[in-house]
Amino acid sequence: MDVQLGSTERKYLLAVYLTLNEMGWTRLKKISNFLKVKMPSAKQFLERLSDIELIYYEHRGGISLTPEGKKIAIAENAHFNAVKVFFCEILQLSQEEADEAAWNIYFNLSPSIAKKFSDFARFLFEEEGKEIVEKIKNFLSQPRKIIAPCPLSGENVEDKTK
C-alpha cells in the first residue's frame, strides 16, 4: 500500500510510535499530551490514521501500529532523528532546543525535502562530512561582525550575531 500522508498525519504517526509502551500500545491522552494538543484534535487525526490502516484504534481503547504503520513510523523516526542530530551536533543547540526545532521544522517540509535534509545530515556524520562539520563548528564559535545591505532600504545594517 502506497499512502500519501500529510505533515500532520506524519507527525501523529511518529507520536504514536514514540509513545508506545513496552507492550506495544499507547493511549489517546498520552499522544495528546506528547504533542501538546487537545484530545479532540488528536482523536480526529488518529481516526484518520486508523481509516487508512496505519494504526489500530478503538474508542477509549489502546492504540497500536499496523505492520505498514510501523514500517512508515520507523522510517519517519530515522529521518526525524537525523534532522534533530543536525540541530544538536552541527548547529550546537541544546537537546531541548534541537528537539523543539526538529518538531517545528521537520513536519513543515514536504516528505521529499525532509528526506533530502535527513540525507544531508547523515552525510555530515560520514567520513567525507567530518571536515565540513569541524569547519561549521569553528565558524559558529567565532564572533563575527558582518555589514550587510538592508534589502529594502539599501542602507547598511550591522549584524552583531555571535
N, C-alpha and C. Protein backbone atom coordinates (compact mmCIF):
# COMPACT_ATOMS: atom_id res chain seq x y z
N MET A 1 0.85 -1.18 0.00
CA MET A 1 0.00 0.00 0.00
C MET A 1 0.89 1.24 0.00
N ASP A 2 0.68 2.15 -0.95
CA ASP A 2 1.45 3.38 -1.03
C ASP A 2 0.55 4.53 -0.60
N VAL A 3 0.74 4.99 0.63
CA VAL A 3 -0.12 6.01 1.23
C VAL A 3 0.59 7.35 1.19
N GLN A 4 -0.13 8.38 0.73
CA GLN A 4 0.40 9.74 0.78
C GLN A 4 -0.09 10.40 2.06
N LEU A 5 0.85 10.70 2.95
CA LEU A 5 0.50 11.31 4.23
C LEU A 5 0.84 12.79 4.23
N GLY A 6 -0.04 13.58 4.80
CA GLY A 6 0.25 14.99 5.02
C GLY A 6 1.18 15.13 6.21
N SER A 7 1.68 16.33 6.42
CA SER A 7 2.64 16.55 7.51
C SER A 7 2.03 16.25 8.87
N THR A 8 0.77 16.58 9.08
CA THR A 8 0.15 16.33 10.38
C THR A 8 -0.03 14.83 10.61
N GLU A 9 -0.41 14.10 9.59
CA GLU A 9 -0.54 12.65 9.74
C GLU A 9 0.81 12.01 10.03
N ARG A 10 1.86 12.52 9.37
CA ARG A 10 3.22 12.01 9.64
C ARG A 10 3.60 12.28 11.10
N LYS A 11 3.27 13.48 11.57
CA LYS A 11 3.57 13.87 12.95
C LYS A 11 2.85 12.95 13.94
N TYR A 12 1.57 12.70 13.70
CA TYR A 12 0.80 11.84 14.61
C TYR A 12 1.29 10.39 14.55
N LEU A 13 1.64 9.92 13.38
CA LEU A 13 2.15 8.55 13.28
C LEU A 13 3.45 8.42 14.07
N LEU A 14 4.32 9.41 13.97
CA LEU A 14 5.56 9.39 14.74
C LEU A 14 5.27 9.49 16.23
N ALA A 15 4.30 10.31 16.61
CA ALA A 15 3.93 10.43 18.02
C ALA A 15 3.41 9.10 18.57
N VAL A 16 2.62 8.40 17.79
CA VAL A 16 2.17 7.07 18.22
C VAL A 16 3.38 6.18 18.46
N TYR A 17 4.28 6.15 17.50
CA TYR A 17 5.48 5.32 17.60
C TYR A 17 6.31 5.67 18.84
N LEU A 18 6.50 6.95 19.08
CA LEU A 18 7.35 7.39 20.19
C LEU A 18 6.70 7.23 21.56
N THR A 19 5.39 7.08 21.61
CA THR A 19 4.71 6.94 22.90
C THR A 19 4.28 5.51 23.20
N LEU A 20 4.61 4.58 22.34
CA LEU A 20 4.25 3.18 22.60
C LEU A 20 4.91 2.70 23.89
N ASN A 21 4.17 1.95 24.68
CA ASN A 21 4.76 1.38 25.88
C ASN A 21 5.44 0.05 25.53
N GLU A 22 6.00 -0.61 26.53
CA GLU A 22 6.73 -1.86 26.27
C GLU A 22 5.82 -2.97 25.74
N MET A 23 4.51 -2.81 25.91
CA MET A 23 3.56 -3.79 25.38
C MET A 23 3.17 -3.49 23.93
N GLY A 24 3.63 -2.35 23.40
CA GLY A 24 3.36 -2.02 22.00
C GLY A 24 2.09 -1.23 21.76
N TRP A 25 1.56 -0.58 22.78
CA TRP A 25 0.37 0.24 22.59
C TRP A 25 0.50 1.54 23.37
N THR A 26 -0.35 2.50 23.03
CA THR A 26 -0.37 3.81 23.69
C THR A 26 -1.82 4.24 23.84
N ARG A 27 -2.04 5.42 24.37
CA ARG A 27 -3.40 5.93 24.60
C ARG A 27 -3.55 7.32 23.98
N LEU A 28 -4.78 7.69 23.72
CA LEU A 28 -5.11 9.00 23.17
C LEU A 28 -4.55 10.12 24.05
N LYS A 29 -4.76 10.04 25.35
CA LYS A 29 -4.31 11.09 26.26
C LYS A 29 -2.78 11.23 26.21
N LYS A 30 -2.09 10.14 26.10
CA LYS A 30 -0.62 10.18 26.05
C LYS A 30 -0.14 10.89 24.78
N ILE A 31 -0.78 10.61 23.67
CA ILE A 31 -0.43 11.26 22.40
C ILE A 31 -0.79 12.74 22.45
N SER A 32 -1.97 13.04 22.98
CA SER A 32 -2.42 14.42 23.12
C SER A 32 -1.43 15.22 23.97
N ASN A 33 -1.02 14.67 25.08
CA ASN A 33 -0.04 15.35 25.95
C ASN A 33 1.31 15.48 25.26
N PHE A 34 1.74 14.43 24.59
CA PHE A 34 3.03 14.42 23.91
C PHE A 34 3.11 15.53 22.87
N LEU A 35 2.04 15.70 22.09
CA LEU A 35 2.01 16.71 21.03
C LEU A 35 1.50 18.07 21.51
N LYS A 36 1.08 18.14 22.78
CA LYS A 36 0.55 19.38 23.36
C LYS A 36 -0.64 19.91 22.56
N VAL A 37 -1.58 18.98 22.28
CA VAL A 37 -2.81 19.34 21.57
C VAL A 37 -4.00 18.85 22.39
N LYS A 38 -5.15 19.37 22.09
CA LYS A 38 -6.37 18.93 22.78
C LYS A 38 -6.76 17.54 22.28
N MET A 39 -7.39 16.77 23.17
CA MET A 39 -7.74 15.39 22.82
C MET A 39 -8.66 15.28 21.59
N PRO A 40 -9.65 16.17 21.40
CA PRO A 40 -10.48 16.04 20.19
C PRO A 40 -9.66 16.19 18.89
N SER A 41 -8.66 17.07 18.91
CA SER A 41 -7.80 17.22 17.72
C SER A 41 -7.01 15.95 17.48
N ALA A 42 -6.43 15.41 18.53
CA ALA A 42 -5.65 14.17 18.41
C ALA A 42 -6.55 13.04 17.92
N LYS A 43 -7.74 12.95 18.49
CA LYS A 43 -8.69 11.88 18.12
C LYS A 43 -8.99 11.92 16.63
N GLN A 44 -9.20 13.12 16.10
CA GLN A 44 -9.52 13.29 14.67
C GLN A 44 -8.42 12.70 13.78
N PHE A 45 -7.15 13.01 14.10
CA PHE A 45 -6.06 12.51 13.27
C PHE A 45 -5.80 11.03 13.49
N LEU A 46 -6.02 10.57 14.70
CA LEU A 46 -5.84 9.14 14.96
C LEU A 46 -6.90 8.33 14.22
N GLU A 47 -8.11 8.85 14.16
CA GLU A 47 -9.17 8.17 13.40
C GLU A 47 -8.80 8.12 11.91
N ARG A 48 -8.22 9.19 11.41
CA ARG A 48 -7.77 9.21 10.00
C ARG A 48 -6.70 8.15 9.77
N LEU A 49 -5.72 8.06 10.69
CA LEU A 49 -4.67 7.03 10.55
C LEU A 49 -5.26 5.63 10.66
N SER A 50 -6.30 5.47 11.45
CA SER A 50 -6.98 4.18 11.56
C SER A 50 -7.73 3.86 10.26
N ASP A 51 -8.39 4.87 9.69
CA ASP A 51 -9.14 4.68 8.43
C ASP A 51 -8.23 4.23 7.29
N ILE A 52 -6.99 4.72 7.28
CA ILE A 52 -6.07 4.32 6.20
C ILE A 52 -5.17 3.16 6.64
N GLU A 53 -5.58 2.52 7.73
CA GLU A 53 -4.98 1.28 8.21
C GLU A 53 -3.49 1.37 8.56
N LEU A 54 -3.12 2.49 9.21
CA LEU A 54 -1.75 2.62 9.70
C LEU A 54 -1.66 2.40 11.20
N ILE A 55 -2.81 2.54 11.87
CA ILE A 55 -2.86 2.23 13.30
C ILE A 55 -4.13 1.44 13.60
N TYR A 56 -4.10 0.73 14.71
CA TYR A 56 -5.30 0.11 15.26
C TYR A 56 -5.77 1.06 16.36
N TYR A 57 -7.01 1.52 16.25
CA TYR A 57 -7.52 2.49 17.22
C TYR A 57 -8.99 2.20 17.48
N GLU A 58 -9.29 1.96 18.75
CA GLU A 58 -10.68 1.79 19.16
C GLU A 58 -11.00 2.88 20.18
N HIS A 59 -12.18 3.44 20.08
CA HIS A 59 -12.62 4.48 21.01
C HIS A 59 -12.41 4.00 22.44
N ARG A 60 -11.74 4.82 23.23
CA ARG A 60 -11.41 4.54 24.64
C ARG A 60 -10.52 3.31 24.82
N GLY A 61 -9.89 2.87 23.76
CA GLY A 61 -9.02 1.69 23.85
C GLY A 61 -7.57 2.06 23.57
N GLY A 62 -6.74 1.04 23.54
CA GLY A 62 -5.34 1.23 23.22
C GLY A 62 -5.14 1.53 21.75
N ILE A 63 -4.01 2.10 21.44
CA ILE A 63 -3.65 2.44 20.07
C ILE A 63 -2.33 1.75 19.77
N SER A 64 -2.26 1.07 18.64
CA SER A 64 -1.01 0.44 18.22
C SER A 64 -0.84 0.60 16.72
N LEU A 65 0.35 0.28 16.25
CA LEU A 65 0.66 0.43 14.83
C LEU A 65 0.36 -0.85 14.07
N THR A 66 -0.16 -0.69 12.86
CA THR A 66 -0.28 -1.84 11.97
C THR A 66 1.12 -2.12 11.43
N PRO A 67 1.35 -3.27 10.80
CA PRO A 67 2.69 -3.51 10.22
C PRO A 67 3.12 -2.41 9.24
N GLU A 68 2.20 -1.94 8.40
CA GLU A 68 2.53 -0.86 7.46
C GLU A 68 2.80 0.44 8.20
N GLY A 69 2.00 0.75 9.22
CA GLY A 69 2.20 1.94 10.02
C GLY A 69 3.53 1.92 10.74
N LYS A 70 3.91 0.75 11.24
CA LYS A 70 5.19 0.61 11.94
C LYS A 70 6.35 0.84 10.97
N LYS A 71 6.24 0.30 9.77
CA LYS A 71 7.29 0.48 8.76
C LYS A 71 7.47 1.97 8.44
N ILE A 72 6.37 2.67 8.22
CA ILE A 72 6.44 4.10 7.90
C ILE A 72 6.97 4.89 9.10
N ALA A 73 6.49 4.55 10.30
CA ALA A 73 6.91 5.28 11.51
C ALA A 73 8.40 5.10 11.78
N ILE A 74 8.93 3.92 11.55
CA ILE A 74 10.36 3.69 11.76
C ILE A 74 11.18 4.53 10.79
N ALA A 75 10.76 4.58 9.53
CA ALA A 75 11.47 5.41 8.54
C ALA A 75 11.35 6.89 8.91
N GLU A 76 10.16 7.31 9.32
CA GLU A 76 9.92 8.70 9.72
C GLU A 76 10.81 9.06 10.91
N ASN A 77 10.92 8.14 11.87
CA ASN A 77 11.74 8.37 13.06
C ASN A 77 13.21 8.52 12.69
N ALA A 78 13.69 7.71 11.75
CA ALA A 78 15.09 7.79 11.31
C ALA A 78 15.37 9.16 10.68
N HIS A 79 14.48 9.62 9.81
CA HIS A 79 14.66 10.92 9.17
C HIS A 79 14.58 12.05 10.20
N PHE A 80 13.59 11.96 11.08
CA PHE A 80 13.40 12.96 12.13
C PHE A 80 14.64 13.05 13.02
N ASN A 81 15.16 11.90 13.42
CA ASN A 81 16.34 11.89 14.30
C ASN A 81 17.57 12.46 13.61
N ALA A 82 17.71 12.23 12.31
CA ALA A 82 18.84 12.81 11.58
C ALA A 82 18.76 14.34 11.60
N VAL A 83 17.56 14.87 11.45
CA VAL A 83 17.37 16.32 11.49
C VAL A 83 17.66 16.84 12.90
N LYS A 84 17.18 16.12 13.91
CA LYS A 84 17.41 16.53 15.30
C LYS A 84 18.91 16.50 15.62
N VAL A 85 19.61 15.49 15.17
CA VAL A 85 21.05 15.40 15.40
C VAL A 85 21.76 16.56 14.70
N PHE A 86 21.30 16.93 13.51
CA PHE A 86 21.86 18.08 12.80
C PHE A 86 21.80 19.33 13.68
N PHE A 87 20.63 19.58 14.27
CA PHE A 87 20.48 20.76 15.12
C PHE A 87 21.36 20.67 16.36
N CYS A 88 21.45 19.50 16.92
CA CYS A 88 22.18 19.31 18.18
C CYS A 88 23.69 19.30 17.94
N GLU A 89 24.15 18.47 17.03
CA GLU A 89 25.59 18.26 16.83
C GLU A 89 26.24 19.27 15.90
N ILE A 90 25.55 19.67 14.86
CA ILE A 90 26.14 20.59 13.88
C ILE A 90 25.93 22.04 14.32
N LEU A 91 24.69 22.39 14.62
CA LEU A 91 24.39 23.77 15.00
C LEU A 91 24.60 24.03 16.48
N GLN A 92 24.94 22.99 17.23
CA GLN A 92 25.29 23.10 18.64
C GLN A 92 24.14 23.60 19.52
N LEU A 93 22.91 23.22 19.18
CA LEU A 93 21.77 23.57 20.02
C LEU A 93 21.70 22.59 21.18
N SER A 94 21.08 23.02 22.27
CA SER A 94 20.87 22.10 23.40
C SER A 94 19.90 21.01 22.95
N GLN A 95 19.83 19.94 23.72
CA GLN A 95 18.92 18.84 23.39
C GLN A 95 17.48 19.33 23.29
N GLU A 96 17.09 20.20 24.22
CA GLU A 96 15.72 20.73 24.21
C GLU A 96 15.47 21.62 22.99
N GLU A 97 16.45 22.49 22.68
CA GLU A 97 16.31 23.37 21.51
C GLU A 97 16.27 22.55 20.22
N ALA A 98 17.12 21.53 20.14
CA ALA A 98 17.17 20.68 18.95
C ALA A 98 15.86 19.94 18.77
N ASP A 99 15.30 19.44 19.87
CA ASP A 99 14.04 18.71 19.80
C ASP A 99 12.92 19.64 19.34
N GLU A 100 12.86 20.84 19.92
CA GLU A 100 11.83 21.81 19.54
C GLU A 100 11.99 22.23 18.07
N ALA A 101 13.22 22.51 17.67
CA ALA A 101 13.47 22.91 16.28
C ALA A 101 13.07 21.80 15.31
N ALA A 102 13.44 20.58 15.65
CA ALA A 102 13.11 19.46 14.77
C ALA A 102 11.59 19.30 14.63
N TRP A 103 10.85 19.36 15.73
CA TRP A 103 9.39 19.24 15.66
C TRP A 103 8.78 20.40 14.88
N ASN A 104 9.32 21.60 15.03
CA ASN A 104 8.76 22.76 14.34
C ASN A 104 9.10 22.81 12.87
N ILE A 105 10.26 22.33 12.50
CA ILE A 105 10.71 22.46 11.12
C ILE A 105 10.46 21.20 10.29
N TYR A 106 10.80 20.05 10.83
CA TYR A 106 10.74 18.80 10.07
C TYR A 106 9.37 18.57 9.44
N PHE A 107 8.32 18.75 10.20
CA PHE A 107 6.98 18.44 9.68
C PHE A 107 6.40 19.55 8.82
N ASN A 108 7.13 20.65 8.66
CA ASN A 108 6.71 21.68 7.73
C ASN A 108 7.40 21.52 6.38
N LEU A 109 8.23 20.52 6.26
CA LEU A 109 8.88 20.21 5.00
C LEU A 109 8.09 19.14 4.27
N SER A 110 8.10 19.18 2.96
CA SER A 110 7.47 18.10 2.21
C SER A 110 8.27 16.83 2.48
N PRO A 111 7.67 15.66 2.33
CA PRO A 111 8.41 14.42 2.58
C PRO A 111 9.71 14.31 1.77
N SER A 112 9.69 14.78 0.53
CA SER A 112 10.91 14.67 -0.30
C SER A 112 12.01 15.60 0.21
N ILE A 113 11.65 16.81 0.64
CA ILE A 113 12.64 17.74 1.19
C ILE A 113 13.13 17.24 2.54
N ALA A 114 12.21 16.72 3.36
CA ALA A 114 12.60 16.17 4.67
C ALA A 114 13.61 15.04 4.48
N LYS A 115 13.40 14.20 3.47
CA LYS A 115 14.34 13.10 3.22
C LYS A 115 15.70 13.64 2.78
N LYS A 116 15.71 14.66 1.92
CA LYS A 116 16.98 15.26 1.49
C LYS A 116 17.72 15.90 2.66
N PHE A 117 16.99 16.59 3.52
CA PHE A 117 17.58 17.21 4.72
C PHE A 117 18.19 16.11 5.59
N SER A 118 17.43 15.04 5.78
CA SER A 118 17.90 13.91 6.57
C SER A 118 19.15 13.29 5.95
N ASP A 119 19.15 13.09 4.64
CA ASP A 119 20.31 12.52 3.95
C ASP A 119 21.53 13.43 4.10
N PHE A 120 21.32 14.74 4.00
CA PHE A 120 22.41 15.70 4.17
C PHE A 120 22.99 15.61 5.59
N ALA A 121 22.11 15.57 6.58
CA ALA A 121 22.55 15.46 7.97
C ALA A 121 23.36 14.17 8.17
N ARG A 122 22.88 13.07 7.61
CA ARG A 122 23.61 11.80 7.74
C ARG A 122 24.96 11.88 7.03
N PHE A 123 25.02 12.54 5.87
CA PHE A 123 26.28 12.70 5.14
C PHE A 123 27.32 13.40 6.01
N LEU A 124 26.88 14.42 6.74
CA LEU A 124 27.82 15.18 7.55
C LEU A 124 28.50 14.34 8.63
N PHE A 125 27.89 13.22 8.99
CA PHE A 125 28.48 12.37 10.02
C PHE A 125 29.28 11.21 9.43
N GLU A 126 29.28 11.10 8.12
CA GLU A 126 30.12 10.10 7.49
C GLU A 126 31.50 10.70 7.26
N GLU A 127 32.44 9.89 6.89
CA GLU A 127 33.84 10.32 6.80
C GLU A 127 34.03 11.57 5.96
N GLU A 128 33.36 11.65 4.80
CA GLU A 128 33.54 12.80 3.91
C GLU A 128 33.04 14.10 4.54
N GLY A 129 32.06 14.01 5.44
CA GLY A 129 31.47 15.21 6.00
C GLY A 129 32.12 15.72 7.27
N LYS A 130 33.00 14.94 7.87
CA LYS A 130 33.57 15.33 9.17
C LYS A 130 34.37 16.64 9.10
N GLU A 131 35.07 16.86 8.02
CA GLU A 131 35.84 18.10 7.87
C GLU A 131 34.89 19.30 7.77
N ILE A 132 33.79 19.11 7.06
CA ILE A 132 32.80 20.18 6.92
C ILE A 132 32.20 20.50 8.29
N VAL A 133 31.89 19.49 9.06
CA VAL A 133 31.31 19.69 10.39
C VAL A 133 32.26 20.50 11.27
N GLU A 134 33.54 20.16 11.25
CA GLU A 134 34.52 20.91 12.05
C GLU A 134 34.59 22.37 11.61
N LYS A 135 34.53 22.60 10.30
CA LYS A 135 34.56 23.98 9.79
C LYS A 135 33.32 24.75 10.23
N ILE A 136 32.16 24.10 10.20
CA ILE A 136 30.92 24.76 10.62
C ILE A 136 30.99 25.09 12.11
N LYS A 137 31.41 24.12 12.92
CA LYS A 137 31.52 24.35 14.37
C LYS A 137 32.50 25.48 14.67
N ASN A 138 33.62 25.50 13.96
CA ASN A 138 34.61 26.57 14.15
C ASN A 138 34.02 27.92 13.76
N PHE A 139 33.33 27.95 12.63
CA PHE A 139 32.71 29.19 12.17
C PHE A 139 31.68 29.70 13.19
N LEU A 140 30.85 28.82 13.70
CA LEU A 140 29.81 29.22 14.65
C LEU A 140 30.38 29.69 15.99
N SER A 141 31.58 29.23 16.31
CA SER A 141 32.17 29.62 17.60
C SER A 141 32.91 30.95 17.53
N GLN A 142 33.13 31.47 16.34
CA GLN A 142 33.86 32.73 16.16
C GLN A 142 32.91 33.92 16.22
N PRO A 143 33.31 34.96 16.98
CA PRO A 143 32.50 36.19 16.93
C PRO A 143 32.67 36.81 15.55
N ARG A 144 31.63 37.39 15.05
CA ARG A 144 31.73 37.99 13.73
C ARG A 144 30.90 39.27 13.68
N LYS A 145 31.36 40.16 12.86
CA LYS A 145 30.66 41.41 12.64
C LYS A 145 30.49 41.53 11.13
N ILE A 146 29.27 41.45 10.69
CA ILE A 146 29.00 41.46 9.25
C ILE A 146 28.21 42.71 8.91
N ILE A 147 28.65 43.39 7.88
CA ILE A 147 27.91 44.54 7.37
C ILE A 147 27.21 44.04 6.10
N ALA A 148 25.88 44.04 6.17
CA ALA A 148 25.11 43.57 5.03
C ALA A 148 24.14 44.66 4.60
N PRO A 149 23.94 44.83 3.29
CA PRO A 149 22.98 45.84 2.86
C PRO A 149 21.57 45.42 3.26
N CYS A 150 20.80 46.39 3.71
CA CYS A 150 19.40 46.14 4.06
C CYS A 150 18.64 45.96 2.74
N PRO A 151 17.95 44.87 2.57
CA PRO A 151 17.31 44.60 1.27
C PRO A 151 16.24 45.62 0.89
N LEU A 152 15.60 46.26 1.85
CA LEU A 152 14.52 47.19 1.50
C LEU A 152 15.01 48.61 1.27
N SER A 153 15.96 49.07 2.09
CA SER A 153 16.35 50.48 2.02
C SER A 153 17.68 50.69 1.30
N GLY A 154 18.47 49.63 1.17
CA GLY A 154 19.78 49.78 0.57
C GLY A 154 20.81 50.27 1.57
N GLU A 155 20.38 50.57 2.81
CA GLU A 155 21.32 51.01 3.84
C GLU A 155 22.08 49.81 4.39
N ASN A 156 23.25 50.09 4.94
CA ASN A 156 24.00 49.03 5.59
C ASN A 156 23.44 48.80 6.98
N VAL A 157 23.28 47.53 7.32
CA VAL A 157 22.77 47.14 8.62
C VAL A 157 23.81 46.27 9.29
N GLU A 158 24.12 46.58 10.52
CA GLU A 158 25.15 45.83 11.23
C GLU A 158 24.51 44.62 11.91
N ASP A 159 25.09 43.45 11.68
CA ASP A 159 24.64 42.20 12.30
C ASP A 159 25.65 41.83 13.35
N LYS A 160 25.27 41.91 14.61
CA LYS A 160 26.19 41.62 15.70
C LYS A 160 25.91 40.25 16.31
N THR A 161 25.50 39.31 15.48
CA THR A 161 25.26 37.98 16.00
C THR A 161 26.57 37.32 16.32
N LYS A 162 26.53 36.42 17.25
CA LYS A 162 27.75 35.72 17.66
C LYS A 162 28.22 34.81 16.57
